[in-house]
């Protein structure tokens, strides 16, 4: 099975590196400095789950037209997806399946809007606290890295065999892996966590430790999570109170220094995943007629910050 990761940042580098380490046929599509370093020096993973140094990495900036994939994991950031579409399309064969591991709940739709047929797309999400500490080096600092796979409601049931085989390869590589019977719900569960935390943390400018330990900001975080929950429920995705409680439990278990990727992007004067995690949610709330005062407040303040970047 030829597996290609389009994007070799923290998510693609970590999971692709672990698969490569286990002996799987893995290639990467990377850009700019990351491409150059991977080509010359290989990939380094510094991780609380064990370090790895991988050389002779198969890495491309633009795939050759004859190079096709069996599985494409899309691991660019959400705002980079449109720029990755030519590479994804170049890698497609009739049997190829594309699995986006992006933050947000609209990656599959954006792939289809970009010209990728629905039959090629399967569901997936990743959970990991990691970053590119320098080109070619992935630093994993918190949480057990995990991938969830799943079929969308209108996927062909026969695709389940492929997901089972892929899940086994991920497990053989030491990656925590699950297959969801309701991938739409799984995507919203993650969105509830990373979007609410990311929005408030960007406004406050602090890591998760102070945010959850301060009674005032903790109360706002809980209410913000409830607003994201209300949006999901209005769309027929049933987020119950137990899921909210589990989200808070997970947040309480994170290392206190943890930050979201959107935080790091905005701190470096990039809009990053702001639209995917905040704007998209606010637009959905408005379409559904739902009052989301805390989300609206976060959106207004962050929009102001981001608009200043361009001045």
C-alpha atoms as a PDB file:
ATOM      1  CA  UNK A   1       0.000   0.000   0.000  1.00  0.00           C
ATOM      2  CA  UNK A   2       1.559   3.265  -1.141  1.00  0.00           C
ATOM      3  CA  UNK A   3       0.721   5.998   1.381  1.00  0.00           C
ATOM      4  CA  UNK A   4       1.378   9.667   0.630  1.00  0.00           C
ATOM      5  CA  UNK A   5       1.152  12.524   3.115  1.00  0.00           C
ATOM      6  CA  UNK A   6       0.376  15.821   1.410  1.00  0.00           C
ATOM      7  CA  UNK A   7       1.877  18.143   3.972  1.00  0.00           C
ATOM      8  CA  UNK A   8       4.764  17.366   6.288  1.00  0.00           C
ATOM      9  CA  UNK A   9       4.164  19.614   9.231  1.00  0.00           C
ATOM     10  CA  UNK A  10       3.540  18.359  12.749  1.00  0.00           C
ATOM     11  CA  UNK A  11       0.673  16.014  11.828  1.00  0.00           C
ATOM     12  CA  UNK A  12       2.016  14.634   8.558  1.00  0.00           C
ATOM     13  CA  UNK A  13       5.574  14.445   9.806  1.00  0.00           C
ATOM     14  CA  UNK A  14       4.691  12.581  12.983  1.00  0.00           C
ATOM     15  CA  UNK A  15       2.228  10.035  11.630  1.00  0.00           C
ATOM     16  CA  UNK A  16       4.017   9.598   8.316  1.00  0.00           C
ATOM     17  CA  UNK A  17       7.301   9.193  10.148  1.00  0.00           C
ATOM     18  CA  UNK A  18       5.904   6.493  12.423  1.00  0.00           C
ATOM     19  CA  UNK A  19       4.507   4.572   9.436  1.00  0.00           C
ATOM     20  CA  UNK A  20       7.835   4.888   7.629  1.00  0.00           C
ATOM     21  CA  UNK A  21       9.645   3.755  10.761  1.00  0.00           C
ATOM     22  CA  UNK A  22       7.510   0.592  10.782  1.00  0.00           C
ATOM     23  CA  UNK A  23       8.499  -0.271   7.208  1.00  0.00           C
ATOM     24  CA  UNK A  24       5.517   1.064   5.244  1.00  0.00           C
ATOM     25  CA  UNK A  25       5.811   2.626   1.777  1.00  0.00           C
ATOM     26  CA  UNK A  26       5.447   6.298   2.688  1.00  0.00           C
ATOM     27  CA  UNK A  27       6.130   9.445   0.683  1.00  0.00           C
ATOM     28  CA  UNK A  28       5.660  13.115   1.497  1.00  0.00           C
ATOM     29  CA  UNK A  29       4.681  16.213  -0.445  1.00  0.00           C
ATOM     30  CA  UNK A  30       6.341  19.212   1.196  1.00  0.00           C
ATOM     31  CA  UNK A  31       7.202  22.800   0.353  1.00  0.00           C
ATOM     32  CA  UNK A  32      10.004  25.303   0.620  1.00  0.00           C
ATOM     33  CA  UNK A  33      12.451  24.891   3.507  1.00  0.00           C
ATOM     34  CA  UNK A  34      10.737  21.772   4.872  1.00  0.00           C
ATOM     35  CA  UNK A  35      11.199  20.066   1.489  1.00  0.00           C
ATOM     36  CA  UNK A  36      14.862  21.030   1.284  1.00  0.00           C
ATOM     37  CA  UNK A  37      15.706  19.808   4.787  1.00  0.00           C
ATOM     38  CA  UNK A  38      13.788  16.546   4.416  1.00  0.00           C
ATOM     39  CA  UNK A  39      15.570  15.891   1.123  1.00  0.00           C
ATOM     40  CA  UNK A  40      19.018  16.627   2.528  1.00  0.00           C
ATOM     41  CA  UNK A  41      18.835  15.566   6.179  1.00  0.00           C
ATOM     42  CA  UNK A  42      15.739  13.400   6.613  1.00  0.00           C
ATOM     43  CA  UNK A  43      13.082  13.623   9.302  1.00  0.00           C
ATOM     44  CA  UNK A  44      13.620  13.830  13.051  1.00  0.00           C
ATOM     45  CA  UNK A  45      10.874  13.098  15.585  1.00  0.00           C
ATOM     46  CA  UNK A  46      11.446  14.190  19.162  1.00  0.00           C
ATOM     47  CA  UNK A  47       8.611  12.655  21.153  1.00  0.00           C
ATOM     48  CA  UNK A  48       7.519  11.725  24.650  1.00  0.00           C
ATOM     49  CA  UNK A  49       6.565   8.412  22.988  1.00  0.00           C
ATOM     50  CA  UNK A  50      10.121   7.806  21.705  1.00  0.00           C
ATOM     51  CA  UNK A  51      12.477   9.625  19.353  1.00  0.00           C
ATOM     52  CA  UNK A  52      13.250   8.681  15.760  1.00  0.00           C
ATOM     53  CA  UNK A  53      15.701   9.766  13.067  1.00  0.00           C
ATOM     54  CA  UNK A  54      14.666   8.805   9.528  1.00  0.00           C
ATOM     55  CA  UNK A  55      16.920   9.294   6.525  1.00  0.00           C
ATOM     56  CA  UNK A  56      16.433   8.773   2.762  1.00  0.00           C
ATOM     57  CA  UNK A  57      12.949  10.280   2.885  1.00  0.00           C
ATOM     58  CA  UNK A  58      10.876  10.063  -0.298  1.00  0.00           C
ATOM     59  CA  UNK A  59       9.746  13.676  -0.592  1.00  0.00           C
ATOM     60  CA  UNK A  60       8.380  15.714  -3.505  1.00  0.00           C
ATOM     61  CA  UNK A  61       7.370  19.307  -4.106  1.00  0.00           C
ATOM     62  CA  UNK A  62       5.144  18.372  -7.054  1.00  0.00           C
ATOM     63  CA  UNK A  63       4.376  14.699  -7.729  1.00  0.00           C
ATOM     64  CA  UNK A  64       5.328  13.264 -11.089  1.00  0.00           C
ATOM     65  CA  UNK A  65       2.262  12.559 -13.208  1.00  0.00           C
ATOM     66  CA  UNK A  66       3.010   8.818 -13.209  1.00  0.00           C
ATOM     67  CA  UNK A  67       3.332   8.607  -9.414  1.00  0.00           C
ATOM     68  CA  UNK A  68       0.016   7.465  -7.943  1.00  0.00           C
ATOM     69  CA  UNK A  69      -1.047   6.763  -4.377  1.00  0.00           C
ATOM     70  CA  UNK A  70      -3.262   4.161  -2.775  1.00  0.00           C
ATOM     71  CA  UNK A  71      -3.948   6.350   0.264  1.00  0.00           C
ATOM     72  CA  UNK A  72      -3.488  10.115   0.476  1.00  0.00           C
ATOM     73  CA  UNK A  73      -3.505  11.632   3.941  1.00  0.00           C
ATOM     74  CA  UNK A  74      -4.081  15.378   3.595  1.00  0.00           C
ATOM     75  CA  UNK A  75      -2.167  16.990   6.455  1.00  0.00           C
ATOM     76  CA  UNK A  76      -1.708  20.583   5.363  1.00  0.00           C
ATOM     77  CA  UNK A  77      -3.426  23.237   7.430  1.00  0.00           C
ATOM     78  CA  UNK A  78      -6.988  24.022   6.423  1.00  0.00           C
ATOM     79  CA  UNK A  79      -6.127  27.381   4.860  1.00  0.00           C
ATOM     80  CA  UNK A  80      -3.477  25.666   2.697  1.00  0.00           C
ATOM     81  CA  UNK A  81      -5.893  23.118   1.228  1.00  0.00           C
ATOM     82  CA  UNK A  82      -6.648  24.980  -1.994  1.00  0.00           C
ATOM     83  CA  UNK A  83      -2.941  25.208  -2.743  1.00  0.00           C
ATOM     84  CA  UNK A  84      -2.534  21.465  -2.169  1.00  0.00           C
ATOM     85  CA  UNK A  85      -5.287  20.454  -4.611  1.00  0.00           C
ATOM     86  CA  UNK A  86      -3.014  20.162  -7.684  1.00  0.00           C
ATOM     87  CA  UNK A  87      -0.734  17.711  -5.849  1.00  0.00           C
ATOM     88  CA  UNK A  88      -3.697  15.685  -4.580  1.00  0.00           C
ATOM     89  CA  UNK A  89      -5.217  15.465  -8.058  1.00  0.00           C
ATOM     90  CA  UNK A  90      -1.880  14.439  -9.566  1.00  0.00           C
ATOM     91  CA  UNK A  91      -1.647  11.513  -7.129  1.00  0.00           C
ATOM     92  CA  UNK A  92      -5.166  10.229  -7.840  1.00  0.00           C
ATOM     93  CA  UNK A  93      -5.857   6.921  -9.566  1.00  0.00           C
ATOM     94  CA  UNK A  94      -9.322   5.340  -9.783  1.00  0.00           C
ATOM     95  CA  UNK A  95      -8.661   3.293  -6.628  1.00  0.00           C
ATOM     96  CA  UNK A  96      -7.042   6.104  -4.594  1.00  0.00           C
ATOM     97  CA  UNK A  97      -8.715   7.194  -1.384  1.00  0.00           C
ATOM     98  CA  UNK A  98      -8.162  10.615   0.181  1.00  0.00           C
ATOM     99  CA  UNK A  99      -8.369  11.055   3.958  1.00  0.00           C
ATOM    100  CA  UNK A 100      -8.195  14.639   5.256  1.00  0.00           C
ATOM    101  CA  UNK A 101      -6.766  15.017   8.762  1.00  0.00           C
ATOM    102  CA  UNK A 102      -7.518  18.724   8.977  1.00  0.00           C
ATOM    103  CA  UNK A 103      -8.963  20.756  11.809  1.00  0.00           C
ATOM    104  CA  UNK A 104     -12.544  21.814  11.179  1.00  0.00           C
ATOM    105  CA  UNK A 105     -15.645  20.041   9.927  1.00  0.00           C
ATOM    106  CA  UNK A 106     -15.704  21.061   6.269  1.00  0.00           C
ATOM    107  CA  UNK A 107     -12.578  19.460   4.773  1.00  0.00           C
ATOM    108  CA  UNK A 108     -14.475  16.857   2.729  1.00  0.00           C
ATOM    109  CA  UNK A 109     -16.760  19.537   1.272  1.00  0.00           C
ATOM    110  CA  UNK A 110     -13.782  21.726   0.396  1.00  0.00           C
ATOM    111  CA  UNK A 111     -12.101  18.794  -1.358  1.00  0.00           C
ATOM    112  CA  UNK A 112     -15.255  18.169  -3.389  1.00  0.00           C
ATOM    113  CA  UNK A 113     -15.600  21.875  -4.164  1.00  0.00           C
ATOM    114  CA  UNK A 114     -12.010  21.708  -5.396  1.00  0.00           C
ATOM    115  CA  UNK A 115     -12.783  18.927  -7.856  1.00  0.00           C
ATOM    116  CA  UNK A 116     -12.119  15.723  -5.890  1.00  0.00           C
ATOM    117  CA  UNK A 117     -14.972  13.274  -6.476  1.00  0.00           C
ATOM    118  CA  UNK A 118     -16.893  12.181  -3.380  1.00  0.00           C
ATOM    119  CA  UNK A 119     -16.117   8.504  -4.074  1.00  0.00           C
ATOM    120  CA  UNK A 120     -12.422   9.171  -3.389  1.00  0.00           C
ATOM    121  CA  UNK A 121     -12.946  10.732   0.069  1.00  0.00           C
ATOM    122  CA  UNK A 122     -13.042   8.899   3.391  1.00  0.00           C
ATOM    123  CA  UNK A 123     -13.330  10.386   6.863  1.00  0.00           C
ATOM    124  CA  UNK A 124     -10.511  10.942   9.302  1.00  0.00           C
ATOM    125  CA  UNK A 125      -9.168  13.107  12.081  1.00  0.00           C
ATOM    126  CA  UNK A 126      -5.967  13.325  14.093  1.00  0.00           C
ATOM    127  CA  UNK A 127      -5.251  14.269  17.696  1.00  0.00           C
ATOM    128  CA  UNK A 128      -1.737  15.275  18.679  1.00  0.00           C
ATOM    129  CA  UNK A 129       0.015  18.091  20.528  1.00  0.00           C
ATOM    130  CA  UNK A 130       3.059  18.717  18.349  1.00  0.00           C
ATOM    131  CA  UNK A 131       4.808  21.343  16.271  1.00  0.00           C
ATOM    132  CA  UNK A 132       7.611  21.786  13.760  1.00  0.00           C
ATOM    133  CA  UNK A 133      10.307  23.075  16.112  1.00  0.00           C
ATOM    134  CA  UNK A 134      12.637  23.665  13.164  1.00  0.00           C
ATOM    135  CA  UNK A 135      12.569  22.492   9.533  1.00  0.00           C
ATOM    136  CA  UNK A 136      12.758  18.701   9.436  1.00  0.00           C
ATOM    137  CA  UNK A 137      12.163  18.327  13.186  1.00  0.00           C
ATOM    138  CA  UNK A 138       8.793  17.388  14.719  1.00  0.00           C
ATOM    139  CA  UNK A 139       8.412  17.876  18.473  1.00  0.00           C
ATOM    140  CA  UNK A 140       5.581  15.909  20.096  1.00  0.00           C
ATOM    141  CA  UNK A 141       5.019  17.175  23.625  1.00  0.00           C
ATOM    142  CA  UNK A 142       1.569  16.095  24.800  1.00  0.00           C
ATOM    143  CA  UNK A 143      -1.374  13.723  24.405  1.00  0.00           C
ATOM    144  CA  UNK A 144      -1.285  10.250  22.886  1.00  0.00           C
ATOM    145  CA  UNK A 145      -1.135  10.694  19.093  1.00  0.00           C
ATOM    146  CA  UNK A 146      -4.318   9.223  17.673  1.00  0.00           C
ATOM    147  CA  UNK A 147      -6.036   8.816  14.300  1.00  0.00           C
ATOM    148  CA  UNK A 148      -9.735   8.091  13.885  1.00  0.00           C
ATOM    149  CA  UNK A 149     -10.972   6.748  10.551  1.00  0.00           C
ATOM    150  CA  UNK A 150     -14.536   6.326   9.367  1.00  0.00           C
ATOM    151  CA  UNK A 151     -16.978   6.149   6.490  1.00  0.00           C
ATOM    152  CA  UNK A 152     -19.286   9.059   5.801  1.00  0.00           C
ATOM    153  CA  UNK A 153     -22.989   8.248   5.848  1.00  0.00           C
ATOM    154  CA  UNK A 154     -23.152   8.043   2.058  1.00  0.00           C
ATOM    155  CA  UNK A 155     -19.905   6.056   1.577  1.00  0.00           C
ATOM    156  CA  UNK A 156     -19.995   2.594   0.060  1.00  0.00           C
ATOM    157  CA  UNK A 157     -20.013  -0.068   2.821  1.00  0.00           C
ATOM    158  CA  UNK A 158     -17.376  -2.029   0.895  1.00  0.00           C
ATOM    159  CA  UNK A 159     -14.848   0.698   1.780  1.00  0.00           C
ATOM    160  CA  UNK A 160     -14.837  -0.659   5.327  1.00  0.00           C
ATOM    161  CA  UNK A 161     -12.368  -3.409   4.362  1.00  0.00           C
ATOM    162  CA  UNK A 162      -9.862  -0.795   3.206  1.00  0.00           C
ATOM    163  CA  UNK A 163     -10.254   1.179   6.435  1.00  0.00           C
ATOM    164  CA  UNK A 164      -9.716  -1.981   8.485  1.00  0.00           C
ATOM    165  CA  UNK A 165      -6.503  -2.785   6.600  1.00  0.00           C
ATOM    166  CA  UNK A 166      -5.240   0.790   6.939  1.00  0.00           C
ATOM    167  CA  UNK A 167      -6.091   0.880  10.649  1.00  0.00           C
ATOM    168  CA  UNK A 168      -4.046  -2.267  11.175  1.00  0.00           C
ATOM    169  CA  UNK A 169      -1.028  -0.687   9.479  1.00  0.00           C
ATOM    170  CA  UNK A 170      -1.352   2.358  11.731  1.00  0.00           C
ATOM    171  CA  UNK A 171      -1.585   0.153  14.819  1.00  0.00           C
ATOM    172  CA  UNK A 172       1.441  -1.850  13.685  1.00  0.00           C
ATOM    173  CA  UNK A 173       3.319   1.457  13.594  1.00  0.00           C
ATOM    174  CA  UNK A 174       2.435   2.069  17.242  1.00  0.00           C
ATOM    175  CA  UNK A 175      -0.202   4.684  16.441  1.00  0.00           C
ATOM    176  CA  UNK A 176      -3.367   4.719  18.532  1.00  0.00           C
ATOM    177  CA  UNK A 177      -6.124   4.169  15.968  1.00  0.00           C
ATOM    178  CA  UNK A 178      -9.899   3.871  16.012  1.00  0.00           C
ATOM    179  CA  UNK A 179     -12.650   3.366  13.462  1.00  0.00           C
ATOM    180  CA  UNK A 180     -15.766   5.400  14.109  1.00  0.00           C
ATOM    181  CA  UNK A 181     -19.249   4.290  13.142  1.00  0.00           C
ATOM    182  CA  UNK A 182     -20.215   7.984  13.035  1.00  0.00           C
ATOM    183  CA  UNK A 183     -17.304   9.983  11.641  1.00  0.00           C
ATOM    184  CA  UNK A 184     -19.437  13.134  11.398  1.00  0.00           C
ATOM    185  CA  UNK A 185     -19.933  13.016  15.169  1.00  0.00           C
ATOM    186  CA  UNK A 186     -16.237  12.281  15.718  1.00  0.00           C
ATOM    187  CA  UNK A 187     -15.261  15.322  13.635  1.00  0.00           C
ATOM    188  CA  UNK A 188     -17.575  17.564  15.650  1.00  0.00           C
ATOM    189  CA  UNK A 189     -16.265  16.153  18.928  1.00  0.00           C
ATOM    190  CA  UNK A 190     -12.770  17.245  17.949  1.00  0.00           C
ATOM    191  CA  UNK A 191     -14.059  20.570  16.643  1.00  0.00           C
ATOM    192  CA  UNK A 192     -15.780  21.214  19.960  1.00  0.00           C
ATOM    193  CA  UNK A 193     -12.420  20.771  21.669  1.00  0.00           C
ATOM    194  CA  UNK A 194      -9.877  22.452  19.407  1.00  0.00           C
ATOM    195  CA  UNK A 195     -12.041  25.316  18.105  1.00  0.00           C
ATOM    196  CA  UNK A 196     -13.439  26.504  21.442  1.00  0.00           C
ATOM    197  CA  UNK A 197     -10.064  26.207  23.161  1.00  0.00           C
ATOM    198  CA  UNK A 198      -8.274  27.838  20.213  1.00  0.00           C
ATOM    199  CA  UNK A 199     -10.649  30.770  19.928  1.00  0.00           C
ATOM    200  CA  UNK A 200     -10.494  31.692  23.614  1.00  0.00           C
ATOM    201  CA  UNK A 201      -6.774  31.014  23.961  1.00  0.00           C
ATOM    202  CA  UNK A 202      -6.020  33.313  21.014  1.00  0.00           C
ATOM    203  CA  UNK A 203      -8.073  36.100  22.578  1.00  0.00           C
ATOM    204  CA  UNK A 204      -6.480  35.602  26.014  1.00  0.00           C
ATOM    205  CA  UNK A 205      -2.972  35.022  24.678  1.00  0.00           C
ATOM    206  CA  UNK A 206      -2.179  32.250  27.164  1.00  0.00           C
ATOM    207  CA  UNK A 207      -1.554  28.510  27.134  1.00  0.00           C
ATOM    208  CA  UNK A 208      -4.133  25.998  28.320  1.00  0.00           C
ATOM    209  CA  UNK A 209      -2.882  25.913  31.940  1.00  0.00           C
ATOM    210  CA  UNK A 210      -3.801  29.479  32.975  1.00  0.00           C
ATOM    211  CA  UNK A 211      -6.930  29.387  30.818  1.00  0.00           C
ATOM    212  CA  UNK A 212      -8.445  26.373  32.578  1.00  0.00           C
ATOM    213  CA  UNK A 213      -7.220  27.242  36.090  1.00  0.00           C
ATOM    214  CA  UNK A 214      -8.592  30.776  36.207  1.00  0.00           C
ATOM    215  CA  UNK A 215     -12.258  30.521  37.344  1.00  0.00           C
ATOM    216  CA  UNK A 216     -13.404  33.316  35.054  1.00  0.00           C
ATOM    217  CA  UNK A 217     -11.818  32.073  31.846  1.00  0.00           C
ATOM    218  CA  UNK A 218     -12.735  28.478  32.660  1.00  0.00           C
ATOM    219  CA  UNK A 219     -16.391  29.512  32.919  1.00  0.00           C
ATOM    220  CA  UNK A 220     -16.166  31.300  29.563  1.00  0.00           C
ATOM    221  CA  UNK A 221     -14.495  28.257  27.987  1.00  0.00           C
ATOM    222  CA  UNK A 222     -17.324  26.003  29.169  1.00  0.00           C
ATOM    223  CA  UNK A 223     -19.956  28.365  27.787  1.00  0.00           C
ATOM    224  CA  UNK A 224     -18.056  28.623  24.491  1.00  0.00           C
ATOM    225  CA  UNK A 225     -17.956  24.834  24.207  1.00  0.00           C
ATOM    226  CA  UNK A 226     -21.722  24.835  24.785  1.00  0.00           C
ATOM    227  CA  UNK A 227     -22.163  27.292  21.919  1.00  0.00           C
ATOM    228  CA  UNK A 228     -20.249  25.006  19.547  1.00  0.00           C
ATOM    229  CA  UNK A 229     -22.393  22.158  20.858  1.00  0.00           C
ATOM    230  CA  UNK A 230     -25.561  24.081  20.014  1.00  0.00           C
ATOM    231  CA  UNK A 231     -24.354  24.614  16.450  1.00  0.00           C
ATOM    232  CA  UNK A 232     -23.645  20.907  16.015  1.00  0.00           C
ATOM    233  CA  UNK A 233     -27.016  19.901  17.450  1.00  0.00           C
ATOM    234  CA  UNK A 234     -28.804  22.315  15.114  1.00  0.00           C
ATOM    235  CA  UNK A 235     -27.207  20.479  12.184  1.00  0.00           C
ATOM    236  CA  UNK A 236     -28.357  17.080  13.408  1.00  0.00           C
ATOM    237  CA  UNK A 237     -25.061  16.068  15.023  1.00  0.00           C
ATOM    238  CA  UNK A 238     -26.028  15.022  18.526  1.00  0.00           C
ATOM    239  CA  UNK A 239     -23.480  16.316  21.018  1.00  0.00           C
ATOM    240  CA  UNK A 240     -24.701  15.442  24.521  1.00  0.00           C
ATOM    241  CA  UNK A 241     -23.536  16.660  27.932  1.00  0.00           C
ATOM    242  CA  UNK A 242     -21.371  13.573  28.404  1.00  0.00           C
ATOM    243  CA  UNK A 243     -19.302  14.586  25.363  1.00  0.00           C
ATOM    244  CA  UNK A 244     -18.917  18.088  26.785  1.00  0.00           C
ATOM    245  CA  UNK A 245     -17.765  16.627  30.115  1.00  0.00           C
ATOM    246  CA  UNK A 246     -15.291  14.321  28.345  1.00  0.00           C
ATOM    247  CA  UNK A 247     -13.941  17.295  26.390  1.00  0.00           C
ATOM    248  CA  UNK A 248     -13.288  19.195  29.616  1.00  0.00           C
ATOM    249  CA  UNK A 249     -11.654  16.137  31.189  1.00  0.00           C
ATOM    250  CA  UNK A 250      -9.304  15.878  28.213  1.00  0.00           C
ATOM    251  CA  UNK A 251      -8.482  19.590  28.441  1.00  0.00           C
ATOM    252  CA  UNK A 252      -7.683  19.176  32.142  1.00  0.00           C
ATOM    253  CA  UNK A 253      -5.215  16.385  31.334  1.00  0.00           C
ATOM    254  CA  UNK A 254      -3.168  18.376  28.815  1.00  0.00           C
ATOM    255  CA  UNK A 255       0.259  19.730  29.780  1.00  0.00           C
ATOM    256  CA  UNK A 256      -0.208  23.280  31.049  1.00  0.00           C
ATOM    257  CA  UNK A 257       2.075  24.747  28.369  1.00  0.00           C
ATOM    258  CA  UNK A 258      -0.023  23.345  25.482  1.00  0.00           C
ATOM    259  CA  UNK A 259      -1.096  25.753  22.739  1.00  0.00           C
ATOM    260  CA  UNK A 260      -3.192  25.294  19.617  1.00  0.00           C
ATOM    261  CA  UNK A 261      -1.706  25.639  16.144  1.00  0.00           C
ATOM    262  CA  UNK A 262      -4.026  28.601  15.538  1.00  0.00           C
ATOM    263  CA  UNK A 263      -2.469  30.327  18.540  1.00  0.00           C
ATOM    264  CA  UNK A 264       1.010  29.888  17.130  1.00  0.00           C
ATOM    265  CA  UNK A 265      -0.123  31.144  13.729  1.00  0.00           C
ATOM    266  CA  UNK A 266      -1.782  34.284  15.069  1.00  0.00           C
ATOM    267  CA  UNK A 267       1.206  34.973  17.333  1.00  0.00           C
ATOM    268  CA  UNK A 268       3.362  34.954  14.178  1.00  0.00           C
ATOM    269  CA  UNK A 269       0.908  37.314  12.427  1.00  0.00           C
ATOM    270  CA  UNK A 270      -0.782  34.698  10.244  1.00  0.00           C
ATOM    271  CA  UNK A 271      -4.539  34.132  10.098  1.00  0.00           C
ATOM    272  CA  UNK A 272      -3.859  30.395  10.046  1.00  0.00           C
ATOM    273  CA  UNK A 273      -6.952  28.311  10.783  1.00  0.00           C
ATOM    274  CA  UNK A 274      -9.047  31.222  12.041  1.00  0.00           C
ATOM    275  CA  UNK A 275     -11.646  30.832   9.297  1.00  0.00           C
ATOM    276  CA  UNK A 276     -11.939  27.048   9.721  1.00  0.00           C
ATOM    277  CA  UNK A 277     -12.218  27.137  13.508  1.00  0.00           C
ATOM    278  CA  UNK A 278     -14.001  30.420  14.194  1.00  0.00           C
ATOM    279  CA  UNK A 279     -15.494  32.052  11.084  1.00  0.00           C
ATOM    280  CA  UNK A 280     -17.038  28.832   9.734  1.00  0.00           C
ATOM    281  CA  UNK A 281     -18.679  28.135  13.091  1.00  0.00           C
ATOM    282  CA  UNK A 282     -20.051  31.677  13.355  1.00  0.00           C
ATOM    283  CA  UNK A 283     -21.473  31.480   9.834  1.00  0.00           C
ATOM    284  CA  UNK A 284     -23.165  28.169  10.645  1.00  0.00           C
ATOM    285  CA  UNK A 285     -24.641  29.689  13.810  1.00  0.00           C
ATOM    286  CA  UNK A 286     -26.037  32.635  11.857  1.00  0.00           C
ATOM    287  CA  UNK A 287     -27.496  30.331   9.200  1.00  0.00           C
ATOM    288  CA  UNK A 288     -29.223  28.317  11.940  1.00  0.00           C
ATOM    289  CA  UNK A 289     -30.385  31.398  13.842  1.00  0.00           C
ATOM    290  CA  UNK A 290     -28.412  30.505  16.982  1.00  0.00           C
ATOM    291  CA  UNK A 291     -27.226  33.151  19.434  1.00  0.00           C
ATOM    292  CA  UNK A 292     -23.502  32.649  20.164  1.00  0.00           C
ATOM    293  CA  UNK A 293     -22.350  35.754  22.093  1.00  0.00           C
ATOM    294  CA  UNK A 294     -18.977  34.380  23.226  1.00  0.00           C
ATOM    295  CA  UNK A 295     -18.090  33.039  19.795  1.00  0.00           C
ATOM    296  CA  UNK A 296     -19.152  36.358  18.262  1.00  0.00           C
ATOM    297  CA  UNK A 297     -16.947  38.223  20.753  1.00  0.00           C
ATOM    298  CA  UNK A 298     -13.915  36.027  20.011  1.00  0.00           C
ATOM    299  CA  UNK A 299     -14.495  36.401  16.275  1.00  0.00           C
ATOM    300  CA  UNK A 300     -14.739  40.201  16.508  1.00  0.00           C
ATOM    301  CA  UNK A 301     -11.533  40.576  18.514  1.00  0.00           C
ATOM    302  CA  UNK A 302      -9.522  38.120  16.433  1.00  0.00           C
ATOM    303  CA  UNK A 303     -10.782  39.666  13.188  1.00  0.00           C
ATOM    304  CA  UNK A 304      -9.487  43.005  14.457  1.00  0.00           C
ATOM    305  CA  UNK A 305      -6.069  41.510  15.243  1.00  0.00           C
ATOM    306  CA  UNK A 306      -5.840  39.745  11.897  1.00  0.00           C
ATOM    307  CA  UNK A 307      -6.867  42.825   9.924  1.00  0.00           C
ATOM    308  CA  UNK A 308      -3.995  44.680  11.588  1.00  0.00           C
ATOM    309  CA  UNK A 309      -1.512  42.133  10.189  1.00  0.00           C
ATOM    310  CA  UNK A 310      -2.169  43.379   6.655  1.00  0.00           C
ATOM    311  CA  UNK A 311      -1.615  47.043   7.495  1.00  0.00           C
END
